[in-house]
N, C-alpha and C. Protein backbone atom coordinates (compact mmCIF):
# COMPACT_ATOMS: atom_id res chain seq x y z
N MET A 1 26.60 92.99 108.01
CA MET A 1 27.09 92.39 109.24
C MET A 1 26.75 93.33 110.40
N ASP A 2 26.38 92.78 111.51
CA ASP A 2 26.08 93.53 112.71
C ASP A 2 27.30 94.34 113.15
N SER A 3 27.10 95.58 113.60
CA SER A 3 28.23 96.43 113.97
C SER A 3 29.01 95.87 115.16
N ALA A 4 28.35 95.21 116.10
CA ALA A 4 29.05 94.61 117.23
C ALA A 4 29.97 93.49 116.76
N VAL A 5 29.50 92.69 115.83
CA VAL A 5 30.31 91.61 115.28
C VAL A 5 31.50 92.19 114.52
N SER A 6 31.25 93.24 113.77
CA SER A 6 32.32 93.91 113.03
C SER A 6 33.40 94.43 113.97
N ARG A 7 33.00 95.04 115.08
CA ARG A 7 33.96 95.55 116.07
C ARG A 7 34.77 94.42 116.69
N ILE A 8 34.12 93.31 116.98
CA ILE A 8 34.81 92.15 117.56
C ILE A 8 35.84 91.60 116.57
N LEU A 9 35.47 91.49 115.31
CA LEU A 9 36.41 91.00 114.31
C LEU A 9 37.59 91.95 114.15
N LYS A 10 37.33 93.25 114.16
CA LYS A 10 38.40 94.25 114.05
C LYS A 10 39.33 94.16 115.26
N ALA A 11 38.77 93.98 116.44
CA ALA A 11 39.58 93.84 117.66
C ALA A 11 40.47 92.61 117.58
N LYS A 12 39.93 91.51 117.08
CA LYS A 12 40.72 90.29 116.94
C LYS A 12 41.85 90.49 115.94
N GLN A 13 41.58 91.24 114.86
CA GLN A 13 42.61 91.54 113.88
C GLN A 13 43.72 92.37 114.51
N TYR A 14 43.37 93.40 115.24
CA TYR A 14 44.37 94.25 115.90
C TYR A 14 45.21 93.43 116.88
N ALA A 15 44.56 92.57 117.65
CA ALA A 15 45.28 91.75 118.62
C ALA A 15 46.23 90.78 117.92
N ALA A 16 45.81 90.22 116.80
CA ALA A 16 46.65 89.28 116.06
C ALA A 16 47.84 89.98 115.41
N GLU A 17 47.69 91.26 115.10
CA GLU A 17 48.75 92.03 114.43
C GLU A 17 49.44 92.99 115.39
N ARG A 18 49.49 92.65 116.67
CA ARG A 18 49.97 93.57 117.70
C ARG A 18 51.43 93.97 117.53
N ASP A 19 52.24 93.13 116.88
CA ASP A 19 53.66 93.47 116.74
C ASP A 19 53.89 94.77 115.99
N HIS A 20 53.02 95.11 115.07
CA HIS A 20 53.21 96.36 114.34
C HIS A 20 52.09 97.37 114.57
N ARG A 21 51.09 97.03 115.33
CA ARG A 21 49.98 97.95 115.58
C ARG A 21 50.03 98.64 116.94
N ILE A 22 50.67 97.99 117.92
CA ILE A 22 50.60 98.48 119.30
C ILE A 22 51.99 98.87 119.79
N LYS A 23 52.09 100.07 120.37
CA LYS A 23 53.32 100.54 121.00
C LYS A 23 52.94 101.07 122.39
N VAL A 24 53.50 100.49 123.43
CA VAL A 24 53.22 100.91 124.80
C VAL A 24 54.15 102.08 125.14
N HIS A 25 53.58 103.14 125.70
CA HIS A 25 54.37 104.30 126.09
C HIS A 25 54.74 104.27 127.57
N SER A 26 53.79 103.90 128.43
CA SER A 26 54.11 103.83 129.86
C SER A 26 53.10 102.94 130.58
N PHE A 27 53.56 102.37 131.68
CA PHE A 27 52.68 101.59 132.55
C PHE A 27 53.37 101.35 133.88
N GLU A 28 52.60 100.89 134.84
CA GLU A 28 53.10 100.43 136.13
C GLU A 28 52.33 99.17 136.46
N VAL A 29 53.05 98.11 136.78
CA VAL A 29 52.40 96.85 137.15
C VAL A 29 52.93 96.36 138.49
N GLU A 30 52.12 95.60 139.14
CA GLU A 30 52.50 94.93 140.38
C GLU A 30 52.71 93.47 140.02
N LEU A 31 53.92 92.98 140.23
CA LEU A 31 54.25 91.61 139.90
C LEU A 31 54.50 90.85 141.20
N HIS A 32 53.77 89.78 141.40
CA HIS A 32 53.89 88.97 142.61
C HIS A 32 54.96 87.92 142.41
N GLY A 33 56.14 88.17 142.95
CA GLY A 33 57.26 87.23 142.85
C GLY A 33 57.13 86.12 143.87
N ASP A 34 58.12 85.24 143.89
CA ASP A 34 58.10 84.12 144.82
C ASP A 34 58.22 84.58 146.27
N ASN A 35 58.98 85.67 146.50
CA ASN A 35 59.22 86.12 147.86
C ASN A 35 58.57 87.45 148.20
N HIS A 36 58.41 88.32 147.21
CA HIS A 36 57.87 89.65 147.44
C HIS A 36 57.04 90.10 146.24
N THR A 37 56.27 91.13 146.45
CA THR A 37 55.57 91.79 145.37
C THR A 37 56.41 93.00 144.94
N HIS A 38 56.58 93.17 143.65
CA HIS A 38 57.42 94.25 143.12
C HIS A 38 56.63 95.14 142.18
N LEU A 39 57.00 96.42 142.16
CA LEU A 39 56.44 97.37 141.21
C LEU A 39 57.40 97.52 140.05
N VAL A 40 56.89 97.30 138.84
CA VAL A 40 57.66 97.46 137.63
C VAL A 40 57.07 98.64 136.87
N HIS A 41 57.92 99.59 136.49
CA HIS A 41 57.51 100.79 135.75
C HIS A 41 58.16 100.76 134.37
N TYR A 42 57.44 101.32 133.41
CA TYR A 42 57.98 101.50 132.07
C TYR A 42 57.52 102.87 131.57
N ASP A 43 58.46 103.66 131.07
CA ASP A 43 58.10 104.97 130.52
C ASP A 43 58.98 105.28 129.32
N ARG A 44 58.42 105.12 128.15
CA ARG A 44 59.08 105.43 126.88
C ARG A 44 60.51 104.87 126.79
N GLY A 45 60.62 103.59 127.05
CA GLY A 45 61.90 102.90 126.93
C GLY A 45 62.70 102.77 128.20
N ALA A 46 62.31 103.48 129.25
CA ALA A 46 63.03 103.43 130.53
C ALA A 46 62.31 102.48 131.49
N TRP A 47 62.98 101.43 131.88
CA TRP A 47 62.43 100.45 132.81
C TRP A 47 62.90 100.76 134.22
N LYS A 48 62.10 100.35 135.19
CA LYS A 48 62.46 100.50 136.60
C LYS A 48 61.73 99.42 137.40
N CYS A 49 62.42 98.82 138.33
CA CYS A 49 61.81 97.86 139.25
C CYS A 49 62.36 98.14 140.63
N ASP A 50 61.56 97.90 141.64
CA ASP A 50 61.99 98.20 143.01
C ASP A 50 62.80 97.08 143.66
N CYS A 51 63.15 96.05 142.90
CA CYS A 51 63.92 94.95 143.49
C CYS A 51 65.42 95.24 143.51
N GLU A 52 66.14 94.53 144.35
CA GLU A 52 67.58 94.72 144.51
C GLU A 52 68.36 94.39 143.24
N GLU A 53 67.97 93.32 142.56
CA GLU A 53 68.67 92.92 141.34
C GLU A 53 68.64 94.03 140.29
N PHE A 54 67.49 94.67 140.13
CA PHE A 54 67.40 95.76 139.16
C PHE A 54 68.30 96.92 139.56
N GLN A 55 68.35 97.21 140.85
CA GLN A 55 69.19 98.31 141.32
C GLN A 55 70.66 98.04 141.02
N LEU A 56 71.07 96.78 141.08
CA LEU A 56 72.47 96.41 140.82
C LEU A 56 72.81 96.29 139.34
N ARG A 57 71.88 95.76 138.54
CA ARG A 57 72.20 95.40 137.16
C ARG A 57 71.39 96.11 136.08
N GLY A 58 70.34 96.81 136.48
CA GLY A 58 69.51 97.49 135.50
C GLY A 58 68.54 96.58 134.78
N VAL A 59 68.44 95.35 135.24
CA VAL A 59 67.49 94.39 134.71
C VAL A 59 67.25 93.33 135.77
N CYS A 60 66.11 92.69 135.69
CA CYS A 60 65.76 91.64 136.67
C CYS A 60 64.73 90.71 136.03
N ALA A 61 64.41 89.64 136.73
CA ALA A 61 63.43 88.69 136.23
C ALA A 61 62.06 89.34 136.04
N HIS A 62 61.75 90.33 136.85
CA HIS A 62 60.44 90.98 136.77
C HIS A 62 60.31 91.78 135.47
N VAL A 63 61.37 92.53 135.15
CA VAL A 63 61.39 93.30 133.89
C VAL A 63 61.42 92.33 132.71
N MET A 64 62.23 91.30 132.81
CA MET A 64 62.32 90.33 131.72
C MET A 64 60.98 89.66 131.46
N ALA A 65 60.24 89.38 132.51
CA ALA A 65 58.91 88.78 132.35
C ALA A 65 57.98 89.73 131.60
N MET A 66 58.02 91.01 131.95
CA MET A 66 57.16 91.99 131.27
C MET A 66 57.57 92.15 129.81
N GLU A 67 58.87 92.11 129.54
CA GLU A 67 59.33 92.16 128.15
C GLU A 67 58.80 90.97 127.36
N GLU A 68 58.82 89.81 127.97
CA GLU A 68 58.32 88.60 127.32
C GLU A 68 56.82 88.70 127.04
N ILE A 69 56.09 89.20 128.00
CA ILE A 69 54.63 89.34 127.86
C ILE A 69 54.27 90.35 126.79
N LEU A 70 54.95 91.51 126.79
CA LEU A 70 54.59 92.62 125.91
C LEU A 70 55.29 92.59 124.55
N GLY A 71 56.34 91.80 124.41
CA GLY A 71 57.00 91.62 123.12
C GLY A 71 57.50 92.92 122.52
N ASP A 72 57.28 93.08 121.23
CA ASP A 72 57.78 94.23 120.49
C ASP A 72 57.04 95.53 120.77
N SER A 73 56.04 95.49 121.62
CA SER A 73 55.31 96.73 121.92
C SER A 73 56.04 97.61 122.92
N VAL A 74 57.17 97.12 123.49
CA VAL A 74 58.01 97.91 124.40
C VAL A 74 59.47 97.81 123.95
N GLU A 75 60.27 98.79 124.38
CA GLU A 75 61.71 98.75 124.13
C GLU A 75 62.36 97.86 125.17
N PRO A 76 63.35 97.08 124.79
CA PRO A 76 64.02 96.21 125.77
C PRO A 76 64.84 97.01 126.77
N ALA A 77 65.01 96.46 127.96
CA ALA A 77 65.83 97.09 128.99
C ALA A 77 67.30 97.03 128.55
N MET A 78 68.06 97.99 128.99
CA MET A 78 69.49 98.01 128.72
C MET A 78 70.16 97.16 129.81
N TYR A 79 70.80 96.09 129.41
CA TYR A 79 71.41 95.18 130.35
C TYR A 79 72.83 95.59 130.69
N THR A 80 73.18 95.52 131.97
CA THR A 80 74.52 95.80 132.44
C THR A 80 75.21 94.48 132.77
N MET A 81 76.33 94.24 132.17
CA MET A 81 77.06 93.00 132.42
C MET A 81 77.72 93.04 133.79
N VAL A 82 77.66 91.92 134.50
CA VAL A 82 78.29 91.79 135.81
C VAL A 82 79.73 91.33 135.59
N ARG A 83 80.67 91.96 136.27
CA ARG A 83 82.09 91.58 136.10
C ARG A 83 82.58 90.84 137.31
């Protein structure tokens, strides 16, 4: 088999098995919300977003969206209950 084809097949296998093969350590993304653009940071389990909701509750729709996209490759944010 051609080595390029072999690499493509291996890449597809890794992508299909991402739940146990991939662990994200850190990243920064720009998420374009309905009203503003926000920066979401992740560093070894610690989430951060520049939006007001995150500052109040430790979680927001922006972080939740990134958790949904990245699945088990990141640690979930610690949610603070509102009283």
